[in-house]
Amino acid sequence: MKILLKPSYPFNLDVTLCCGQAFRWDKQGEWWYGIVGRNVFKIRQINDKLEFENVDTRFVRDYFGLNDDLSKILSEISRDTHIKRAIDTFYGLRILHQNPWECLISYVCATYKNIQAIKQMLLNLSRRFGEKICFDEYKFYSFPIAQKLAKAKLQELVACGLGYRAKYVSETAKMICENGFELESLGELGYEQARKELLNFSGVGLKVADCVLLFSLGKSEAFPIDVWIKRAVLKHYSNHFPNKFIKKILDKQSLNDSEYRKLSLFGRKYFGEYAGYAQEYLYHYERTQS
């Protein structure tokens, strides 16, 4: 199947899947292979065409955010020369619409880990607790449902490479199951209330909550702060903060909640309702240019 991309709706598949927002994609030759829920499929981009197999057009449009008016979004966040450079470099990067449960556990596991380590942890979890699905002679594993992880023994989760995160994953899965909590329902709440609800889960701090809100719950104003965004702010936006604050966080390895909230609030106010898009362009630019 194919989708013809219009010039007014730019998309860059490679950049979108390489920018660190999702962890269960691999490229084989010119094809990207991924599993979303129980949907295993492959996709590639040739100029202005997307070619894909094993899912329908509606699924592709929704998952890759192709219904977002990216031209409008990029126009609204282009507030300064630095963000414009990031946009020009990675033009066509889009925010994926991920499954909230998988996104939540993925970012709980992502704390203080690089992308390759995160991918390995999630693969281990899926092999151990998910279902095997074969496609194009490759083996894939669905992401484990909450009930499976809630029943898992702690040592089984540790054996997947989760370390101290095993406890968080176990407790969060149990909270979801015991309360019959529907993560998708958070998308109907305002940003602040939805973030407050996420913070009740084990292992979820402000950054994890913001990532889940941005990448799976449609809160495009969320502005997650990690080491790369902190660096970008210090280098290019420090004039928006008191000198005392900048000096305080300059040499700190991690931010406390108050400092995090201040940086995140700046991003939301400065870039507006699509601050999350600005965050992802700035994040990928900082990470690849350093």
C-alpha atoms as a PDB file:
ATOM      1  CA  MET A   1       0.000   0.000   0.000  1.00  0.00           C
ATOM      2  CA  LYS A   2       1.104   3.572  -0.567  1.00  0.00           C
ATOM      3  CA  ILE A   3       0.478   7.090   0.671  1.00  0.00           C
ATOM      4  CA  LEU A   4       1.362  10.050  -1.514  1.00  0.00           C
ATOM      5  CA  LEU A   5       2.681  12.862   0.681  1.00  0.00           C
ATOM      6  CA  LYS A   6       1.633  16.374  -0.303  1.00  0.00           C
ATOM      7  CA  PRO A   7       4.280  19.148  -0.235  1.00  0.00           C
ATOM      8  CA  SER A   8       2.187  20.999   2.360  1.00  0.00           C
ATOM      9  CA  TYR A   9       2.381  17.984   4.693  1.00  0.00           C
ATOM     10  CA  PRO A  10       6.092  17.225   5.041  1.00  0.00           C
ATOM     11  CA  PHE A  11       7.244  13.968   6.604  1.00  0.00           C
ATOM     12  CA  ASN A  12      10.643  12.420   7.214  1.00  0.00           C
ATOM     13  CA  LEU A  13      10.273   8.777   8.213  1.00  0.00           C
ATOM     14  CA  ASP A  14      13.935   8.176   9.065  1.00  0.00           C
ATOM     15  CA  VAL A  15      14.213  11.205  11.330  1.00  0.00           C
ATOM     16  CA  THR A  16      10.886  10.470  13.026  1.00  0.00           C
ATOM     17  CA  LEU A  17      11.944   6.921  13.917  1.00  0.00           C
ATOM     18  CA  CYS A  18      15.536   7.853  14.862  1.00  0.00           C
ATOM     19  CA  CYS A  19      14.843  10.794  17.167  1.00  0.00           C
ATOM     20  CA  GLY A  20      14.438   8.839  20.400  1.00  0.00           C
ATOM     21  CA  GLN A  21      10.691   8.998  20.983  1.00  0.00           C
ATOM     22  CA  ALA A  22      10.022   5.270  20.382  1.00  0.00           C
ATOM     23  CA  PHE A  23      12.208   2.227  21.023  1.00  0.00           C
ATOM     24  CA  ARG A  24      10.769  -0.727  19.121  1.00  0.00           C
ATOM     25  CA  TRP A  25      11.749   0.040  15.553  1.00  0.00           C
ATOM     26  CA  ASP A  26      14.607  -1.431  13.522  1.00  0.00           C
ATOM     27  CA  LYS A  27      15.733  -0.781   9.972  1.00  0.00           C
ATOM     28  CA  GLN A  28      16.491  -3.698   7.666  1.00  0.00           C
ATOM     29  CA  GLY A  29      17.836  -2.419   4.366  1.00  0.00           C
ATOM     30  CA  GLU A  30      15.480   0.316   3.225  1.00  0.00           C
ATOM     31  CA  TRP A  31      12.535  -0.935   5.295  1.00  0.00           C
ATOM     32  CA  TRP A  32      11.645  -0.028   8.867  1.00  0.00           C
ATOM     33  CA  TYR A  33      10.070  -2.875  10.851  1.00  0.00           C
ATOM     34  CA  GLY A  34       8.017  -2.231  13.943  1.00  0.00           C
ATOM     35  CA  ILE A  35       5.293  -3.660  16.143  1.00  0.00           C
ATOM     36  CA  VAL A  36       2.553  -1.436  17.528  1.00  0.00           C
ATOM     37  CA  GLY A  37       0.154  -3.329  19.747  1.00  0.00           C
ATOM     38  CA  ARG A  38      -0.274  -6.567  17.796  1.00  0.00           C
ATOM     39  CA  ASN A  39       0.279  -4.834  14.467  1.00  0.00           C
ATOM     40  CA  VAL A  40       3.595  -5.881  12.926  1.00  0.00           C
ATOM     41  CA  PHE A  41       4.370  -3.970   9.772  1.00  0.00           C
ATOM     42  CA  LYS A  42       7.096  -2.542   7.601  1.00  0.00           C
ATOM     43  CA  ILE A  43       7.321   0.880   6.046  1.00  0.00           C
ATOM     44  CA  ARG A  44       9.693   2.859   3.857  1.00  0.00           C
ATOM     45  CA  GLN A  45       9.784   6.289   2.288  1.00  0.00           C
ATOM     46  CA  ILE A  46      10.782   6.949  -1.307  1.00  0.00           C
ATOM     47  CA  ASN A  47      10.731  10.692  -2.019  1.00  0.00           C
ATOM     48  CA  ASP A  48       7.120  11.795  -1.505  1.00  0.00           C
ATOM     49  CA  LYS A  49       5.693   8.284  -1.130  1.00  0.00           C
ATOM     50  CA  LEU A  50       5.259   6.034   1.888  1.00  0.00           C
ATOM     51  CA  GLU A  51       5.054   2.327   1.137  1.00  0.00           C
ATOM     52  CA  PHE A  52       3.917  -0.107   3.829  1.00  0.00           C
ATOM     53  CA  GLU A  53       2.612  -3.624   4.355  1.00  0.00           C
ATOM     54  CA  ASN A  54       0.390  -5.392   6.896  1.00  0.00           C
ATOM     55  CA  VAL A  55      -1.540  -2.321   8.154  1.00  0.00           C
ATOM     56  CA  ASP A  56      -4.030   0.035   6.526  1.00  0.00           C
ATOM     57  CA  THR A  57      -3.704   3.674   5.528  1.00  0.00           C
ATOM     58  CA  ARG A  58      -5.764   4.939   8.459  1.00  0.00           C
ATOM     59  CA  PHE A  59      -3.459   3.222  10.941  1.00  0.00           C
ATOM     60  CA  VAL A  60      -0.346   4.694   9.308  1.00  0.00           C
ATOM     61  CA  ARG A  61      -1.795   8.198   9.212  1.00  0.00           C
ATOM     62  CA  ASP A  62      -2.779   8.058  12.869  1.00  0.00           C
ATOM     63  CA  TYR A  63       0.381   6.452  14.245  1.00  0.00           C
ATOM     64  CA  PHE A  64       2.792   8.720  12.375  1.00  0.00           C
ATOM     65  CA  GLY A  65       0.826  11.894  13.066  1.00  0.00           C
ATOM     66  CA  LEU A  66       0.194  12.510   9.377  1.00  0.00           C
ATOM     67  CA  ASN A  67      -3.093  14.235  10.212  1.00  0.00           C
ATOM     68  CA  ASP A  68      -1.227  16.938  12.155  1.00  0.00           C
ATOM     69  CA  ASP A  69      -0.844  20.188  10.200  1.00  0.00           C
ATOM     70  CA  LEU A  70       2.937  20.177  10.465  1.00  0.00           C
ATOM     71  CA  SER A  71       3.434  23.275   8.316  1.00  0.00           C
ATOM     72  CA  LYS A  72       1.251  25.255  10.713  1.00  0.00           C
ATOM     73  CA  ILE A  73       2.911  23.720  13.774  1.00  0.00           C
ATOM     74  CA  LEU A  74       6.434  24.512  12.590  1.00  0.00           C
ATOM     75  CA  SER A  75       5.421  28.031  11.673  1.00  0.00           C
ATOM     76  CA  GLU A  76       4.066  28.618  15.184  1.00  0.00           C
ATOM     77  CA  ILE A  77       7.126  27.270  17.029  1.00  0.00           C
ATOM     78  CA  SER A  78       9.688  29.053  14.818  1.00  0.00           C
ATOM     79  CA  ARG A  79      10.364  31.698  17.436  1.00  0.00           C
ATOM     80  CA  ASP A  80      14.112  32.211  17.036  1.00  0.00           C
ATOM     81  CA  THR A  81      17.131  31.359  14.888  1.00  0.00           C
ATOM     82  CA  HIS A  82      18.120  28.327  16.945  1.00  0.00           C
ATOM     83  CA  ILE A  83      14.816  26.482  16.687  1.00  0.00           C
ATOM     84  CA  LYS A  84      14.708  27.414  12.998  1.00  0.00           C
ATOM     85  CA  ARG A  85      18.079  25.696  12.485  1.00  0.00           C
ATOM     86  CA  ALA A  86      16.781  22.585  14.228  1.00  0.00           C
ATOM     87  CA  ILE A  87      13.632  22.610  12.063  1.00  0.00           C
ATOM     88  CA  ASP A  88      15.623  23.102   8.864  1.00  0.00           C
ATOM     89  CA  THR A  89      17.943  20.223   9.793  1.00  0.00           C
ATOM     90  CA  PHE A  90      15.187  17.743  10.651  1.00  0.00           C
ATOM     91  CA  TYR A  91      12.319  19.065   8.577  1.00  0.00           C
ATOM     92  CA  GLY A  92       9.494  16.542   8.526  1.00  0.00           C
ATOM     93  CA  LEU A  93      10.016  15.077  12.003  1.00  0.00           C
ATOM     94  CA  ARG A  94       6.630  14.248  13.482  1.00  0.00           C
ATOM     95  CA  ILE A  95       5.402  13.210  16.921  1.00  0.00           C
ATOM     96  CA  LEU A  96       4.248   9.585  16.957  1.00  0.00           C
ATOM     97  CA  HIS A  97       0.921   8.595  18.517  1.00  0.00           C
ATOM     98  CA  GLN A  98       2.008   5.674  20.688  1.00  0.00           C
ATOM     99  CA  ASN A  99       0.049   3.282  22.882  1.00  0.00           C
ATOM    100  CA  PRO A 100      -0.140   4.884  26.373  1.00  0.00           C
ATOM    101  CA  TRP A 101       0.557   1.675  28.306  1.00  0.00           C
ATOM    102  CA  GLU A 102       3.633   0.740  26.292  1.00  0.00           C
ATOM    103  CA  CYS A 103       4.810   4.348  26.316  1.00  0.00           C
ATOM    104  CA  LEU A 104       4.441   4.568  30.097  1.00  0.00           C
ATOM    105  CA  ILE A 105       6.445   1.420  30.810  1.00  0.00           C
ATOM    106  CA  SER A 106       9.015   2.326  28.162  1.00  0.00           C
ATOM    107  CA  TYR A 107       9.770   5.654  29.807  1.00  0.00           C
ATOM    108  CA  VAL A 108       9.759   4.189  33.309  1.00  0.00           C
ATOM    109  CA  CYS A 109      12.477   1.846  32.020  1.00  0.00           C
ATOM    110  CA  ALA A 110      14.270   4.678  30.190  1.00  0.00           C
ATOM    111  CA  THR A 111      15.409   6.499  33.327  1.00  0.00           C
ATOM    112  CA  TYR A 112      19.196   6.996  33.250  1.00  0.00           C
ATOM    113  CA  LYS A 113      19.635   4.639  30.285  1.00  0.00           C
ATOM    114  CA  ASN A 114      20.777   5.239  26.714  1.00  0.00           C
ATOM    115  CA  ILE A 115      18.555   4.353  23.772  1.00  0.00           C
ATOM    116  CA  GLN A 116      20.266   1.053  22.950  1.00  0.00           C
ATOM    117  CA  ALA A 117      19.944  -0.142  26.555  1.00  0.00           C
ATOM    118  CA  ILE A 118      16.277   0.858  26.617  1.00  0.00           C
ATOM    119  CA  LYS A 119      15.619  -1.060  23.392  1.00  0.00           C
ATOM    120  CA  GLN A 120      17.245  -4.158  24.874  1.00  0.00           C
ATOM    121  CA  MET A 121      15.221  -3.978  28.095  1.00  0.00           C
ATOM    122  CA  LEU A 122      11.954  -3.643  26.193  1.00  0.00           C
ATOM    123  CA  LEU A 123      12.893  -6.486  23.852  1.00  0.00           C
ATOM    124  CA  ASN A 124      13.695  -8.699  26.846  1.00  0.00           C
ATOM    125  CA  LEU A 125      10.355  -7.841  28.471  1.00  0.00           C
ATOM    126  CA  SER A 126       8.448  -8.533  25.268  1.00  0.00           C
ATOM    127  CA  ARG A 127      10.226 -11.847  24.611  1.00  0.00           C
ATOM    128  CA  ARG A 128       9.532 -13.014  28.160  1.00  0.00           C
ATOM    129  CA  PHE A 129       5.964 -11.772  28.622  1.00  0.00           C
ATOM    130  CA  GLY A 130       4.608 -10.883  25.170  1.00  0.00           C
ATOM    131  CA  GLU A 131       3.363 -13.020  22.288  1.00  0.00           C
ATOM    132  CA  LYS A 132       5.540 -14.064  19.365  1.00  0.00           C
ATOM    133  CA  ILE A 133       4.425 -12.911  15.914  1.00  0.00           C
ATOM    134  CA  CYS A 134       6.268 -13.816  12.695  1.00  0.00           C
ATOM    135  CA  PHE A 135       6.397 -11.509   9.697  1.00  0.00           C
ATOM    136  CA  ASP A 136       8.737 -11.537   6.682  1.00  0.00           C
ATOM    137  CA  GLU A 137      10.745 -14.345   8.311  1.00  0.00           C
ATOM    138  CA  TYR A 138      11.461 -12.132  11.329  1.00  0.00           C
ATOM    139  CA  LYS A 139      10.269 -12.766  14.872  1.00  0.00           C
ATOM    140  CA  PHE A 140       8.477 -10.004  16.761  1.00  0.00           C
ATOM    141  CA  TYR A 141       6.977  -9.877  20.226  1.00  0.00           C
ATOM    142  CA  SER A 142       3.937  -7.915  21.306  1.00  0.00           C
ATOM    143  CA  PHE A 143       4.406  -5.636  24.291  1.00  0.00           C
ATOM    144  CA  PRO A 144       3.227  -7.424  27.456  1.00  0.00           C
ATOM    145  CA  ILE A 145      -0.180  -6.437  28.787  1.00  0.00           C
ATOM    146  CA  ALA A 146      -0.468  -5.009  32.292  1.00  0.00           C
ATOM    147  CA  GLN A 147      -1.934  -8.240  33.686  1.00  0.00           C
ATOM    148  CA  LYS A 148       1.146 -10.216  32.620  1.00  0.00           C
ATOM    149  CA  LEU A 149       3.573  -7.779  34.252  1.00  0.00           C
ATOM    150  CA  ALA A 150       1.427  -7.501  37.382  1.00  0.00           C
ATOM    151  CA  LYS A 151       1.673 -11.266  37.884  1.00  0.00           C
ATOM    152  CA  ALA A 152       5.382 -11.458  37.076  1.00  0.00           C
ATOM    153  CA  LYS A 153       7.812 -12.155  39.877  1.00  0.00           C
ATOM    154  CA  LEU A 154      10.178  -9.333  40.686  1.00  0.00           C
ATOM    155  CA  GLN A 155      13.235 -11.468  39.925  1.00  0.00           C
ATOM    156  CA  GLU A 156      11.806 -12.253  36.467  1.00  0.00           C
ATOM    157  CA  LEU A 157      11.626  -8.534  35.709  1.00  0.00           C
ATOM    158  CA  VAL A 158      15.117  -7.980  37.069  1.00  0.00           C
ATOM    159  CA  ALA A 159      16.350 -10.774  34.791  1.00  0.00           C
ATOM    160  CA  CYS A 160      15.103  -8.710  31.824  1.00  0.00           C
ATOM    161  CA  GLY A 161      17.737  -6.115  32.701  1.00  0.00           C
ATOM    162  CA  LEU A 162      15.442  -3.668  34.455  1.00  0.00           C
ATOM    163  CA  GLY A 163      17.485  -3.390  37.650  1.00  0.00           C
ATOM    164  CA  TYR A 164      15.805  -1.137  40.222  1.00  0.00           C
ATOM    165  CA  ARG A 165      13.161  -0.254  37.603  1.00  0.00           C
ATOM    166  CA  ALA A 166      11.676  -3.756  38.007  1.00  0.00           C
ATOM    167  CA  LYS A 167       9.931  -2.669  41.196  1.00  0.00           C
ATOM    168  CA  TYR A 168       8.434   0.378  39.478  1.00  0.00           C
ATOM    169  CA  VAL A 169       7.162  -1.666  36.530  1.00  0.00           C
ATOM    170  CA  SER A 170       5.634  -4.266  38.840  1.00  0.00           C
ATOM    171  CA  GLU A 171       3.913  -1.721  41.081  1.00  0.00           C
ATOM    172  CA  THR A 172       2.624   0.344  38.164  1.00  0.00           C
ATOM    173  CA  ALA A 173       1.210  -2.747  36.432  1.00  0.00           C
ATOM    174  CA  LYS A 174      -0.534  -3.786  39.656  1.00  0.00           C
ATOM    175  CA  MET A 175      -2.028  -0.298  40.108  1.00  0.00           C
ATOM    176  CA  ILE A 176      -3.385  -0.394  36.562  1.00  0.00           C
ATOM    177  CA  CYS A 177      -4.941  -3.835  37.061  1.00  0.00           C
ATOM    178  CA  GLU A 178      -6.281  -3.405  40.578  1.00  0.00           C
ATOM    179  CA  ASN A 179      -7.986  -0.110  39.794  1.00  0.00           C
ATOM    180  CA  GLY A 180      -9.056  -0.948  36.247  1.00  0.00           C
ATOM    181  CA  PHE A 181      -7.380   2.279  35.227  1.00  0.00           C
ATOM    182  CA  GLU A 182      -7.688   3.324  31.565  1.00  0.00           C
ATOM    183  CA  LEU A 183      -4.654   5.375  30.632  1.00  0.00           C
ATOM    184  CA  GLU A 184      -6.371   6.549  27.434  1.00  0.00           C
ATOM    185  CA  SER A 185      -8.883   8.447  29.588  1.00  0.00           C
ATOM    186  CA  LEU A 186      -6.133  10.881  30.615  1.00  0.00           C
ATOM    187  CA  GLY A 187      -6.246  12.307  27.111  1.00  0.00           C
ATOM    188  CA  GLU A 188      -9.644  13.794  27.982  1.00  0.00           C
ATOM    189  CA  LEU A 189      -8.207  15.760  30.907  1.00  0.00           C
ATOM    190  CA  GLY A 190      -6.331  19.041  30.788  1.00  0.00           C
ATOM    191  CA  TYR A 191      -2.536  18.888  30.701  1.00  0.00           C
ATOM    192  CA  GLU A 192      -1.945  19.714  34.388  1.00  0.00           C
ATOM    193  CA  GLN A 193      -4.578  17.294  35.683  1.00  0.00           C
ATOM    194  CA  ALA A 194      -3.410  14.498  33.400  1.00  0.00           C
ATOM    195  CA  ARG A 195       0.177  14.974  34.572  1.00  0.00           C
ATOM    196  CA  LYS A 196      -0.965  14.933  38.201  1.00  0.00           C
ATOM    197  CA  GLU A 197      -2.702  11.589  37.634  1.00  0.00           C
ATOM    198  CA  LEU A 198       0.381  10.056  36.004  1.00  0.00           C
ATOM    199  CA  LEU A 199       2.572  11.109  38.921  1.00  0.00           C
ATOM    200  CA  ASN A 200       0.618   8.681  41.122  1.00  0.00           C
ATOM    201  CA  PHE A 201       2.231   5.724  39.380  1.00  0.00           C
ATOM    202  CA  SER A 202       5.393   4.126  40.721  1.00  0.00           C
ATOM    203  CA  GLY A 203       8.570   5.314  39.020  1.00  0.00           C
ATOM    204  CA  VAL A 204       6.831   8.220  37.295  1.00  0.00           C
ATOM    205  CA  GLY A 205       8.383  11.619  37.843  1.00  0.00           C
ATOM    206  CA  LEU A 206       7.767  14.843  35.980  1.00  0.00           C
ATOM    207  CA  LYS A 207       9.914  13.942  32.966  1.00  0.00           C
ATOM    208  CA  VAL A 208       8.363  10.486  32.474  1.00  0.00           C
ATOM    209  CA  ALA A 209       4.890  11.971  32.851  1.00  0.00           C
ATOM    210  CA  ASP A 210       5.606  14.665  30.259  1.00  0.00           C
ATOM    211  CA  CYS A 211       6.982  12.097  27.798  1.00  0.00           C
ATOM    212  CA  VAL A 212       3.882   9.936  28.136  1.00  0.00           C
ATOM    213  CA  LEU A 213       1.618  12.966  27.734  1.00  0.00           C
ATOM    214  CA  LEU A 214       3.439  14.128  24.614  1.00  0.00           C
ATOM    215  CA  PHE A 215       4.098  10.841  22.846  1.00  0.00           C
ATOM    216  CA  SER A 216       0.885   8.951  23.590  1.00  0.00           C
ATOM    217  CA  LEU A 217      -1.862  11.163  25.008  1.00  0.00           C
ATOM    218  CA  GLY A 218      -1.986  14.036  22.552  1.00  0.00           C
ATOM    219  CA  LYS A 219      -0.757  16.737  24.931  1.00  0.00           C
ATOM    220  CA  SER A 220       1.287  18.687  22.404  1.00  0.00           C
ATOM    221  CA  GLU A 221       2.063  21.397  24.945  1.00  0.00           C
ATOM    222  CA  ALA A 222       4.101  19.011  27.140  1.00  0.00           C
ATOM    223  CA  PHE A 223       7.784  19.979  27.206  1.00  0.00           C
ATOM    224  CA  PRO A 224       9.903  17.180  28.746  1.00  0.00           C
ATOM    225  CA  ILE A 225      13.230  18.258  30.209  1.00  0.00           C
ATOM    226  CA  ASP A 226      16.209  15.922  29.988  1.00  0.00           C
ATOM    227  CA  VAL A 227      19.952  16.537  29.875  1.00  0.00           C
ATOM    228  CA  TRP A 228      19.853  17.531  26.193  1.00  0.00           C
ATOM    229  CA  ILE A 229      17.031  20.035  26.570  1.00  0.00           C
ATOM    230  CA  LYS A 230      18.693  21.451  29.659  1.00  0.00           C
ATOM    231  CA  ARG A 231      21.849  22.013  27.605  1.00  0.00           C
ATOM    232  CA  ALA A 232      19.870  23.652  24.816  1.00  0.00           C
ATOM    233  CA  VAL A 233      18.194  25.993  27.293  1.00  0.00           C
ATOM    234  CA  LEU A 234      21.499  26.900  28.951  1.00  0.00           C
ATOM    235  CA  LYS A 235      23.158  27.619  25.603  1.00  0.00           C
ATOM    236  CA  HIS A 236      20.368  29.377  23.747  1.00  0.00           C
ATOM    237  CA  TYR A 237      17.634  30.513  26.141  1.00  0.00           C
ATOM    238  CA  SER A 238      19.427  31.427  29.376  1.00  0.00           C
ATOM    239  CA  ASN A 239      18.486  35.084  28.930  1.00  0.00           C
ATOM    240  CA  HIS A 240      14.909  34.111  29.819  1.00  0.00           C
ATOM    241  CA  PHE A 241      15.964  33.205  33.374  1.00  0.00           C
ATOM    242  CA  PRO A 242      17.627  35.018  36.289  1.00  0.00           C
ATOM    243  CA  ASN A 243      21.422  34.619  36.308  1.00  0.00           C
ATOM    244  CA  LYS A 244      21.219  33.115  39.784  1.00  0.00           C
ATOM    245  CA  PHE A 245      18.988  30.293  38.540  1.00  0.00           C
ATOM    246  CA  ILE A 246      21.210  29.531  35.539  1.00  0.00           C
ATOM    247  CA  LYS A 247      24.320  29.374  37.725  1.00  0.00           C
ATOM    248  CA  LYS A 248      22.498  27.084  40.139  1.00  0.00           C
ATOM    249  CA  ILE A 249      21.561  24.470  37.542  1.00  0.00           C
ATOM    250  CA  LEU A 250      24.658  24.831  35.349  1.00  0.00           C
ATOM    251  CA  ASP A 251      26.738  22.122  37.004  1.00  0.00           C
ATOM    252  CA  LYS A 252      23.922  20.011  38.430  1.00  0.00           C
ATOM    253  CA  GLN A 253      23.593  16.518  37.004  1.00  0.00           C
ATOM    254  CA  SER A 254      19.888  16.352  37.753  1.00  0.00           C
ATOM    255  CA  LEU A 255      17.156  18.876  38.451  1.00  0.00           C
ATOM    256  CA  ASN A 256      14.863  18.962  41.444  1.00  0.00           C
ATOM    257  CA  ASP A 257      11.113  19.223  40.821  1.00  0.00           C
ATOM    258  CA  SER A 258      11.044  22.991  41.234  1.00  0.00           C
ATOM    259  CA  GLU A 259      13.858  23.500  38.714  1.00  0.00           C
ATOM    260  CA  TYR A 260      12.284  21.057  36.287  1.00  0.00           C
ATOM    261  CA  ARG A 261       8.921  22.800  36.500  1.00  0.00           C
ATOM    262  CA  LYS A 262      10.536  26.174  35.828  1.00  0.00           C
ATOM    263  CA  LEU A 263      12.297  24.977  32.670  1.00  0.00           C
ATOM    264  CA  SER A 264       9.257  23.084  31.418  1.00  0.00           C
ATOM    265  CA  LEU A 265       6.956  26.038  32.044  1.00  0.00           C
ATOM    266  CA  PHE A 266       9.306  28.254  30.051  1.00  0.00           C
ATOM    267  CA  GLY A 267       9.081  25.862  27.087  1.00  0.00           C
ATOM    268  CA  ARG A 268       5.287  25.766  27.211  1.00  0.00           C
ATOM    269  CA  LYS A 269       4.947  29.540  27.460  1.00  0.00           C
ATOM    270  CA  TYR A 270       7.647  30.400  24.924  1.00  0.00           C
ATOM    271  CA  PHE A 271       6.688  27.910  22.199  1.00  0.00           C
ATOM    272  CA  GLY A 272       2.957  27.742  22.901  1.00  0.00           C
ATOM    273  CA  GLU A 273       0.462  24.949  22.325  1.00  0.00           C
ATOM    274  CA  TYR A 274       2.919  22.938  20.194  1.00  0.00           C
ATOM    275  CA  ALA A 275       5.823  23.193  22.623  1.00  0.00           C
ATOM    276  CA  GLY A 276       6.235  19.411  22.476  1.00  0.00           C
ATOM    277  CA  TYR A 277       7.144  19.612  18.817  1.00  0.00           C
ATOM    278  CA  ALA A 278       9.724  22.295  19.613  1.00  0.00           C
ATOM    279  CA  GLN A 279      11.109  20.074  22.342  1.00  0.00           C
ATOM    280  CA  GLU A 280      11.608  17.133  20.001  1.00  0.00           C
ATOM    281  CA  TYR A 281      13.333  19.212  17.319  1.00  0.00           C
ATOM    282  CA  LEU A 282      15.595  20.848  19.930  1.00  0.00           C
ATOM    283  CA  TYR A 283      16.308  17.509  21.605  1.00  0.00           C
ATOM    284  CA  HIS A 284      17.311  15.722  18.395  1.00  0.00           C
ATOM    285  CA  TYR A 285      19.338  18.690  17.174  1.00  0.00           C
ATOM    286  CA  GLU A 286      21.256  19.028  20.438  1.00  0.00           C
ATOM    287  CA  ARG A 287      21.877  15.285  20.640  1.00  0.00           C
ATOM    288  CA  THR A 288      23.216  15.002  17.092  1.00  0.00           C
ATOM    289  CA  GLN A 289      25.201  18.230  16.914  1.00  0.00           C
ATOM    290  CA  SER A 290      27.110  17.794  20.180  1.00  0.00           C
END
